[in-house]
Amino acid sequence: MARAIDHDIQAVQSLTAVPTIMQVIAHTTGLRWICVSRVTPDAWTMCAVRDELNFGLAPGDEIAIADTFCDQVRRTDTGIVIDEVSNDPLYHDHPIPKKFGFESYFSLPIYRKDGQFFGTLCGLDPGRASLRSASTLNTLKLFAELLSSQIETESALADTRAALAHERDIAELREQFIAILGHDLRTPLSSIMTGAQVIDRLTSDERILRVSARMTRSGQRIASLIDSVMDFARSKMDGALAAERRWEADLHGTLNHVVAELAGAYPDRQIEARLAVDGKVFCDLRRIGQVASNLILNALVHGSAEAPVVVAATITDGALCLTVSNAGTPIPVAVMDRLFQPFWRGERSSKVDGLGLGLYIASEIARAHQGTLAVDSTAARTVFTLTIPCGTPQD
């Protein structure tokens, strides 16, 4: 309960309108003590106060519930308004006015959005005040309703902020864990890859060499998955994927190497390279090769095995344009809208055992180069297009 009360006090304190409302009430009524209180069956707690009488109560202070009229307001859902205690037929002999020394007083209920009782808007003064007049009473009720709305809105906003902060903390911990795990997996993986290389050197037995080759391919696959996870974690933790850009003159050679590597891994498939990259490009050469590899692999896995995958690269109008196209079933529009989201593999996920990070990472690399990655899919071809600026002398 104490934590809930503290939360409610903070909610009222954070409302910039509360001091203004209390100032207007004081000016309108002449009362020199105005407050917003949290009222429960067990306690009356100060949330905000305007005190010109030096009562000495501060936010968080409590008064015994029996020493207030607010518990009666809570139980009856009816406000109390007194112009002059000494002449009031109900309260002239009541001990509470005598204890606190007030002559005029009001207490109006404040509710939560769901109708639950929150507390009261109160005011008092040792002198007489005209609080029962229609205009004054309507004004006080209006301010109580306004506070009801504002307190509930601020409370909901605070809950949302807390939930978002909690989710952000969890996300950061998760991404840090992924990054650490990926780093720690490299050591045993390196031992496996080294062992496979040693086996290749020590034997000529074809059966053993085939096992060694499978170990190597599996190790390379695991390394690729680790790289993808690490890239994803970095992009989420840093807000963007890092790209170490510099002027590169051998983009043609890098792309040729990627094509040859995947052609060797998929000997039954045809990959056509149409590369005409003449000139320097300001880029991260490794990252551009990574985009090409991801796009070609995507085309090999999801495209038709009866038609070649075509890889083309040109420099046109000061921009590098890399396209990877394949034949096959066109990508549905609903799927295209989510292709570049992390871990998204869509309806075709049964064809590949990857994490669904390839296209997401490719799009992040494009963004790191101030470029774009787009897709167009028709019954004839599906084409992914990477476009990045070649750079300027200032780069």
Protein backbone atom coordinates (compact mmCIF):
# COMPACT_ATOMS: atom_id res chain seq x y z
CA MET A 1 0.00 0.00 0.00
CA ALA A 2 2.86 2.37 0.87
CA ARG A 3 4.35 1.99 -2.62
CA ALA A 4 0.95 2.68 -4.20
CA ILE A 5 0.55 5.83 -2.09
CA ASP A 6 4.04 7.01 -3.08
CA HIS A 7 3.14 6.39 -6.73
CA ASP A 8 -0.04 8.48 -6.32
CA ILE A 9 1.84 11.32 -4.61
CA GLN A 10 4.36 11.39 -7.46
CA ALA A 11 1.53 11.39 -10.00
CA VAL A 12 -0.06 14.46 -8.38
CA GLN A 13 3.30 16.20 -7.91
CA SER A 14 4.14 15.75 -11.59
CA LEU A 15 0.99 17.60 -12.70
CA THR A 16 2.07 21.12 -13.61
CA ALA A 17 -1.57 22.25 -13.52
CA VAL A 18 -2.04 21.50 -9.80
CA PRO A 19 -0.30 24.61 -8.39
CA THR A 20 -2.23 26.78 -10.85
CA ILE A 21 -5.54 25.18 -9.91
CA MET A 22 -4.87 25.74 -6.20
CA GLN A 23 -3.85 29.34 -6.87
CA VAL A 24 -7.07 30.01 -8.78
CA ILE A 25 -9.14 28.41 -6.00
CA ALA A 26 -7.39 30.53 -3.38
CA HIS A 27 -7.98 33.69 -5.42
CA THR A 28 -11.62 32.79 -6.11
CA THR A 29 -12.60 31.77 -2.58
CA GLY A 30 -10.18 33.65 -0.37
CA LEU A 31 -9.12 30.41 1.35
CA ARG A 32 -5.50 30.35 2.45
CA TRP A 33 -5.00 26.59 2.64
CA ILE A 34 -5.73 24.33 -0.35
CA CYS A 35 -4.62 20.75 -0.82
CA VAL A 36 -5.00 17.56 -2.85
CA SER A 37 -5.07 14.46 -0.63
CA ARG A 38 -5.01 10.71 -1.12
CA VAL A 39 -7.68 9.10 1.04
CA THR A 40 -7.99 5.42 1.93
CA PRO A 41 -10.01 3.70 4.67
CA ASP A 42 -6.88 3.81 6.84
CA ALA A 43 -5.08 7.04 6.05
CA TRP A 44 -5.23 10.64 4.82
CA THR A 45 -2.03 11.54 2.95
CA MET A 46 -1.00 14.93 1.61
CA CYS A 47 -0.18 14.96 -2.13
CA ALA A 48 0.08 18.69 -2.90
CA VAL A 49 -0.59 21.83 -0.88
CA ARG A 50 -0.83 25.62 -1.04
CA ASP A 51 -0.29 26.78 2.54
CA GLU A 52 -0.51 30.44 3.51
CA LEU A 53 -1.46 29.54 7.10
CA ASN A 54 1.79 27.76 7.96
CA PHE A 55 0.14 24.53 9.05
CA GLY A 56 3.43 22.82 8.30
CA LEU A 57 2.06 19.84 6.39
CA ALA A 58 4.10 18.71 3.37
CA PRO A 59 3.50 16.14 0.60
CA GLY A 60 3.75 12.67 2.09
CA ASP A 61 2.61 13.72 5.57
CA GLU A 62 -0.36 11.88 7.07
CA ILE A 63 -3.23 12.79 9.37
CA ALA A 64 -5.30 10.27 11.30
CA ILE A 65 -8.31 9.52 9.12
CA ALA A 66 -10.63 10.09 12.11
CA ASP A 67 -9.39 13.69 12.35
CA THR A 68 -10.69 14.60 8.87
CA PHE A 69 -13.99 15.02 7.07
CA CYS A 70 -12.49 13.29 4.03
CA ASP A 71 -13.34 9.79 5.24
CA GLN A 72 -17.00 10.84 5.31
CA VAL A 73 -16.63 12.13 1.74
CA ARG A 74 -15.10 8.79 0.75
CA ARG A 75 -17.85 6.73 2.36
CA THR A 76 -20.78 8.83 1.11
CA ASP A 77 -19.38 9.98 -2.28
CA THR A 78 -20.69 13.40 -1.31
CA GLY A 79 -18.71 16.60 -0.88
CA ILE A 80 -18.79 18.76 2.22
CA VAL A 81 -18.99 22.56 1.91
CA ILE A 82 -19.16 24.89 4.93
CA ASP A 83 -19.34 28.69 4.69
CA GLU A 84 -19.30 29.37 8.43
CA VAL A 85 -18.77 26.56 10.94
CA SER A 86 -20.05 28.54 13.94
CA ASN A 87 -23.48 28.96 12.31
CA ASP A 88 -23.67 25.60 10.53
CA PRO A 89 -26.43 23.37 11.97
CA LEU A 90 -24.47 20.15 11.30
CA TYR A 91 -20.90 21.06 12.18
CA HIS A 92 -20.96 23.94 14.68
CA ASP A 93 -20.16 21.57 17.56
CA HIS A 94 -18.00 19.14 15.58
CA PRO A 95 -14.54 18.51 17.11
CA ILE A 96 -12.63 18.61 13.79
CA PRO A 97 -13.15 22.37 13.07
CA LYS A 98 -12.25 23.14 16.66
CA LYS A 99 -9.07 21.05 16.47
CA PHE A 100 -7.78 22.73 13.30
CA GLY A 101 -9.32 26.15 13.92
CA PHE A 102 -11.12 26.69 10.64
CA GLU A 103 -14.38 28.53 9.99
CA SER A 104 -14.85 27.84 6.27
CA TYR A 105 -14.13 24.52 4.60
CA PHE A 106 -14.76 22.36 1.55
CA SER A 107 -13.85 18.80 0.58
CA LEU A 108 -14.82 17.40 -2.83
CA PRO A 109 -14.18 13.86 -4.09
CA ILE A 110 -11.59 13.02 -6.76
CA TYR A 111 -12.09 9.78 -8.69
CA ARG A 112 -10.03 7.54 -10.90
CA LYS A 113 -11.05 6.86 -14.48
CA ASP A 114 -12.69 3.57 -13.49
CA GLY A 115 -14.82 5.33 -10.86
CA GLN A 116 -12.76 4.31 -7.84
CA PHE A 117 -12.31 6.90 -5.13
CA PHE A 118 -8.85 8.53 -5.16
CA GLY A 119 -9.00 11.31 -2.61
CA THR A 120 -10.18 14.85 -2.13
CA LEU A 121 -9.65 18.44 -3.16
CA CYS A 122 -9.80 20.37 0.11
CA GLY A 123 -9.63 23.96 1.32
CA LEU A 124 -10.05 25.76 4.62
CA ASP A 125 -9.55 29.11 6.36
CA PRO A 126 -10.05 30.57 9.86
CA GLY A 127 -12.30 33.24 8.34
CA ARG A 128 -15.73 32.99 6.76
CA ALA A 129 -15.97 32.39 2.98
CA SER A 130 -18.86 32.21 0.55
CA LEU A 131 -18.38 28.71 -0.85
CA ARG A 132 -21.98 27.61 -1.33
CA SER A 133 -22.81 30.15 -4.04
CA ALA A 134 -23.66 28.41 -7.29
CA SER A 135 -20.77 29.91 -9.28
CA THR A 136 -18.13 29.14 -6.63
CA LEU A 137 -19.39 25.62 -5.97
CA ASN A 138 -19.56 24.81 -9.68
CA THR A 139 -16.01 26.10 -10.11
CA LEU A 140 -14.74 23.91 -7.27
CA LYS A 141 -16.50 20.85 -8.67
CA LEU A 142 -15.07 21.56 -12.11
CA PHE A 143 -11.54 21.69 -10.70
CA ALA A 144 -12.12 18.41 -8.82
CA GLU A 145 -13.24 16.76 -12.07
CA LEU A 146 -10.24 18.20 -13.89
CA LEU A 147 -7.91 16.78 -11.26
CA SER A 148 -9.62 13.39 -11.55
CA SER A 149 -8.88 13.33 -15.27
CA GLN A 150 -5.32 14.63 -14.95
CA ILE A 151 -4.32 12.26 -12.13
CA GLU A 152 -5.55 9.21 -14.02
CA THR A 153 -3.80 10.30 -17.22
CA GLU A 154 -0.52 10.93 -15.42
CA SER A 155 -0.75 7.64 -13.55
CA ALA A 156 -1.31 5.73 -16.79
CA LEU A 157 1.56 7.61 -18.41
CA ALA A 158 3.87 6.79 -15.51
CA ASP A 159 2.92 3.10 -15.76
CA THR A 160 3.66 3.17 -19.48
CA ARG A 161 7.03 4.83 -18.91
CA ALA A 162 7.93 2.22 -16.30
CA ALA A 163 6.88 -0.62 -18.60
CA LEU A 164 8.89 0.81 -21.49
CA ALA A 165 11.96 1.26 -19.28
CA HIS A 166 11.63 -2.32 -18.08
CA GLU A 167 11.32 -3.65 -21.62
CA ARG A 168 14.30 -1.55 -22.71
CA ASP A 169 16.41 -2.95 -19.87
CA ILE A 170 15.42 -6.50 -20.79
CA ALA A 171 16.21 -5.86 -24.46
CA GLU A 172 19.64 -4.46 -23.62
CA LEU A 173 20.45 -7.42 -21.38
CA ARG A 174 19.29 -9.83 -24.08
CA GLU A 175 21.39 -8.17 -26.74
CA GLN A 176 24.44 -8.07 -24.46
CA PHE A 177 23.95 -11.76 -23.73
CA ILE A 178 23.74 -12.55 -27.44
CA ALA A 179 26.92 -10.60 -28.13
CA ILE A 180 28.84 -12.29 -25.30
CA LEU A 181 27.56 -15.73 -26.28
CA GLY A 182 28.54 -15.18 -29.92
CA HIS A 183 32.03 -14.12 -28.86
CA ASP A 184 32.49 -17.13 -26.55
CA LEU A 185 31.34 -19.59 -29.25
CA ARG A 186 34.19 -18.61 -31.54
CA THR A 187 36.87 -20.32 -29.45
CA PRO A 188 35.46 -23.89 -29.57
CA LEU A 189 34.41 -23.33 -33.20
CA SER A 190 37.96 -22.37 -34.10
CA SER A 191 39.19 -25.62 -32.54
CA ILE A 192 36.73 -27.63 -34.63
CA MET A 193 37.75 -25.88 -37.85
CA THR A 194 41.44 -26.33 -37.06
CA GLY A 195 40.85 -30.03 -36.32
CA ALA A 196 39.16 -30.48 -39.70
CA GLN A 197 42.17 -28.89 -41.43
CA VAL A 198 44.57 -31.21 -39.56
CA ILE A 199 42.51 -34.24 -40.62
CA ASP A 200 42.77 -33.11 -44.25
CA ARG A 201 46.56 -33.06 -43.99
CA LEU A 202 46.92 -36.42 -42.18
CA THR A 203 44.83 -38.70 -44.40
CA SER A 204 43.96 -39.45 -47.99
CA ASP A 205 41.06 -41.73 -47.09
CA GLU A 206 38.08 -40.44 -49.11
CA ARG A 207 35.55 -41.44 -46.46
CA ILE A 208 37.38 -39.49 -43.76
CA LEU A 209 37.90 -36.54 -46.09
CA ARG A 210 34.16 -36.42 -46.81
CA VAL A 211 33.48 -36.29 -43.05
CA SER A 212 36.10 -33.56 -42.71
CA ALA A 213 34.50 -31.60 -45.54
CA ARG A 214 31.10 -31.79 -43.81
CA MET A 215 32.71 -30.61 -40.57
CA THR A 216 34.24 -27.66 -42.40
CA ARG A 217 30.95 -26.70 -44.08
CA SER A 218 29.08 -26.99 -40.81
CA GLY A 219 31.72 -24.88 -39.07
CA GLN A 220 31.45 -22.24 -41.78
CA ARG A 221 27.68 -22.30 -41.39
CA ILE A 222 27.98 -21.82 -37.62
CA ALA A 223 30.47 -18.98 -38.14
CA SER A 224 28.01 -17.32 -40.51
CA LEU A 225 25.21 -17.64 -37.95
CA ILE A 226 27.44 -16.19 -35.23
CA ASP A 227 28.34 -13.25 -37.49
CA SER A 228 24.65 -12.62 -38.17
CA VAL A 229 23.74 -12.72 -34.49
CA MET A 230 26.65 -10.44 -33.59
CA ASP A 231 25.68 -7.96 -36.31
CA PHE A 232 22.09 -7.99 -35.10
CA ALA A 233 23.14 -7.41 -31.48
CA ARG A 234 25.45 -4.54 -32.47
CA SER A 235 22.79 -2.90 -34.63
CA LYS A 236 20.30 -2.99 -31.74
CA MET A 237 22.74 -1.91 -29.04
CA ASP A 238 24.33 0.91 -31.06
CA GLY A 239 21.25 1.89 -33.06
CA ALA A 240 23.00 1.18 -36.36
CA LEU A 241 25.32 -1.36 -37.94
CA ALA A 242 28.94 -0.23 -38.03
CA ALA A 243 30.56 0.26 -41.44
CA GLU A 244 34.26 1.10 -41.80
CA ARG A 245 34.08 2.99 -45.06
CA ARG A 246 37.11 3.86 -47.17
CA TRP A 247 37.88 4.31 -50.85
CA GLU A 248 37.94 0.87 -52.49
CA ALA A 249 39.09 0.14 -56.05
CA ASP A 250 38.64 -3.64 -56.12
CA LEU A 251 34.93 -4.06 -55.52
CA HIS A 252 34.83 -6.08 -58.76
CA GLY A 253 37.24 -8.65 -57.29
CA THR A 254 35.32 -8.90 -54.01
CA LEU A 255 32.02 -9.55 -55.78
CA ASN A 256 33.64 -12.13 -58.07
CA HIS A 257 35.02 -13.91 -55.02
CA VAL A 258 31.56 -14.02 -53.37
CA VAL A 259 29.99 -15.43 -56.54
CA ALA A 260 32.72 -18.09 -56.87
CA GLU A 261 32.39 -19.10 -53.23
CA LEU A 262 28.62 -19.63 -53.46
CA ALA A 263 28.93 -21.36 -56.84
CA GLY A 264 31.24 -23.84 -55.17
CA ALA A 265 28.83 -24.35 -52.28
CA TYR A 266 25.92 -24.89 -54.74
CA PRO A 267 27.49 -26.82 -57.65
CA ASP A 268 24.10 -27.82 -59.05
CA ARG A 269 22.97 -24.20 -59.46
CA GLN A 270 23.93 -21.62 -62.06
CA ILE A 271 25.05 -18.13 -61.03
CA GLU A 272 25.67 -15.54 -63.75
CA ALA A 273 27.94 -12.62 -62.84
CA ARG A 274 27.52 -9.44 -64.88
CA LEU A 275 29.92 -7.13 -63.14
CA ALA A 276 31.04 -3.79 -64.55
CA VAL A 277 32.38 -1.90 -61.55
CA ASP A 278 35.00 0.45 -62.93
CA GLY A 279 36.05 3.09 -60.46
CA LYS A 280 36.43 3.66 -56.74
CA VAL A 281 33.60 3.42 -54.23
CA PHE A 282 33.62 4.85 -50.71
CA CYS A 283 32.37 1.80 -48.80
CA ASP A 284 33.09 -0.98 -46.35
CA LEU A 285 34.30 -3.67 -48.77
CA ARG A 286 33.60 -6.53 -46.37
CA ARG A 287 30.07 -5.30 -45.73
CA ILE A 288 29.25 -4.94 -49.43
CA GLY A 289 30.49 -8.48 -49.94
CA GLN A 290 28.25 -9.53 -47.06
CA VAL A 291 25.22 -7.94 -48.73
CA ALA A 292 26.02 -9.71 -52.01
CA SER A 293 26.44 -13.04 -50.22
CA ASN A 294 23.16 -12.66 -48.31
CA LEU A 295 21.21 -11.70 -51.42
CA ILE A 296 22.68 -14.46 -53.58
CA LEU A 297 22.09 -17.07 -50.89
CA ASN A 298 18.51 -15.86 -50.53
CA ALA A 299 18.02 -16.20 -54.31
CA LEU A 300 19.55 -19.69 -54.36
CA VAL A 301 17.37 -20.91 -51.51
CA HIS A 302 14.07 -19.36 -52.58
CA GLY A 303 14.44 -19.05 -56.35
CA SER A 304 13.69 -21.58 -59.08
CA ALA A 305 16.41 -24.24 -59.55
CA GLU A 306 15.63 -24.27 -63.28
CA ALA A 307 16.85 -20.71 -63.92
CA PRO A 308 20.12 -18.95 -63.11
CA VAL A 309 20.63 -16.43 -60.37
CA VAL A 310 21.86 -13.24 -62.01
CA VAL A 311 24.25 -10.93 -60.14
CA ALA A 312 24.86 -7.53 -61.75
CA ALA A 313 26.81 -4.51 -60.55
CA THR A 314 27.39 -1.15 -62.20
CA ILE A 315 28.34 2.39 -61.32
CA THR A 316 25.82 4.83 -62.76
CA ASP A 317 25.30 8.52 -62.01
CA GLY A 318 27.68 8.44 -59.06
CA ALA A 319 26.05 5.45 -57.37
CA LEU A 320 26.86 1.75 -57.05
CA CYS A 321 23.93 -0.42 -58.12
CA LEU A 322 24.06 -4.11 -57.18
CA THR A 323 21.16 -6.34 -58.25
CA VAL A 324 20.50 -10.00 -57.55
CA SER A 325 17.60 -11.59 -59.41
CA ASN A 326 16.04 -15.02 -59.67
CA ALA A 327 13.06 -16.70 -61.26
CA GLY A 328 10.38 -18.50 -59.30
CA THR A 329 7.18 -17.86 -57.39
CA PRO A 330 6.72 -14.13 -56.78
CA ILE A 331 6.84 -12.84 -53.22
CA PRO A 332 3.35 -11.96 -51.90
CA VAL A 333 2.82 -8.29 -51.11
CA ALA A 334 2.06 -9.07 -47.45
CA VAL A 335 5.40 -10.88 -47.16
CA MET A 336 7.34 -8.13 -48.94
CA ASP A 337 6.23 -5.65 -46.28
CA ARG A 338 8.08 -7.69 -43.66
CA LEU A 339 11.07 -9.05 -45.60
CA PHE A 340 13.60 -6.75 -43.95
CA GLN A 341 12.44 -7.34 -40.38
CA PRO A 342 14.76 -9.37 -38.12
CA PHE A 343 13.98 -13.07 -37.66
CA TRP A 344 11.32 -12.93 -40.36
CA ARG A 345 11.30 -15.91 -42.71
CA GLY A 346 7.67 -15.93 -43.76
CA GLU A 347 5.86 -18.78 -45.42
CA ARG A 348 9.03 -20.00 -47.09
CA SER A 349 10.93 -20.62 -43.85
CA SER A 350 10.80 -24.41 -44.30
CA LYS A 351 13.33 -24.11 -47.12
CA VAL A 352 16.14 -22.81 -44.92
CA ASP A 353 17.35 -23.35 -41.38
CA GLY A 354 18.77 -19.83 -40.94
CA LEU A 355 17.77 -17.23 -38.38
CA GLY A 356 15.96 -14.93 -40.77
CA LEU A 357 18.56 -12.18 -40.30
CA GLY A 358 20.17 -12.10 -43.75
CA LEU A 359 17.90 -9.54 -45.42
CA TYR A 360 17.61 -7.47 -42.24
CA ILE A 361 21.41 -7.21 -41.97
CA ALA A 362 21.67 -6.41 -45.69
CA SER A 363 19.18 -3.56 -45.26
CA GLU A 364 21.11 -2.27 -42.21
CA ILE A 365 24.35 -2.31 -44.21
CA ALA A 366 22.61 -0.30 -46.94
CA ARG A 367 21.47 2.21 -44.31
CA ALA A 368 25.00 2.44 -42.90
CA HIS A 369 26.15 3.49 -46.38
CA GLN A 370 23.34 6.08 -46.74
CA GLY A 371 21.86 3.81 -49.38
CA THR A 372 18.78 1.70 -49.94
CA LEU A 373 17.87 -1.93 -50.40
CA ALA A 374 14.68 -2.51 -52.39
CA VAL A 375 12.83 -5.51 -53.77
CA ASP A 376 10.56 -5.96 -56.78
CA SER A 377 8.83 -9.28 -57.40
CA THR A 378 6.74 -10.29 -60.38
CA ALA A 379 5.83 -13.55 -62.09
CA ALA A 380 8.91 -13.11 -64.29
CA ARG A 381 11.66 -12.25 -61.77
CA THR A 382 12.33 -11.28 -58.18
CA VAL A 383 14.98 -8.56 -58.00
CA PHE A 384 16.78 -7.17 -54.95
CA THR A 385 18.57 -3.88 -55.61
CA LEU A 386 21.24 -2.30 -53.43
CA THR A 387 21.99 1.34 -54.25
CA ILE A 388 24.66 3.36 -52.44
CA PRO A 389 26.40 6.61 -53.33
CA CYS A 390 29.97 6.12 -54.55
CA GLY A 391 31.15 9.00 -52.38
CA THR A 392 32.60 12.49 -52.82
CA PRO A 393 36.13 13.86 -52.54
CA GLN A 394 35.22 15.08 -49.05
CA ASP A 395 34.70 11.45 -48.01
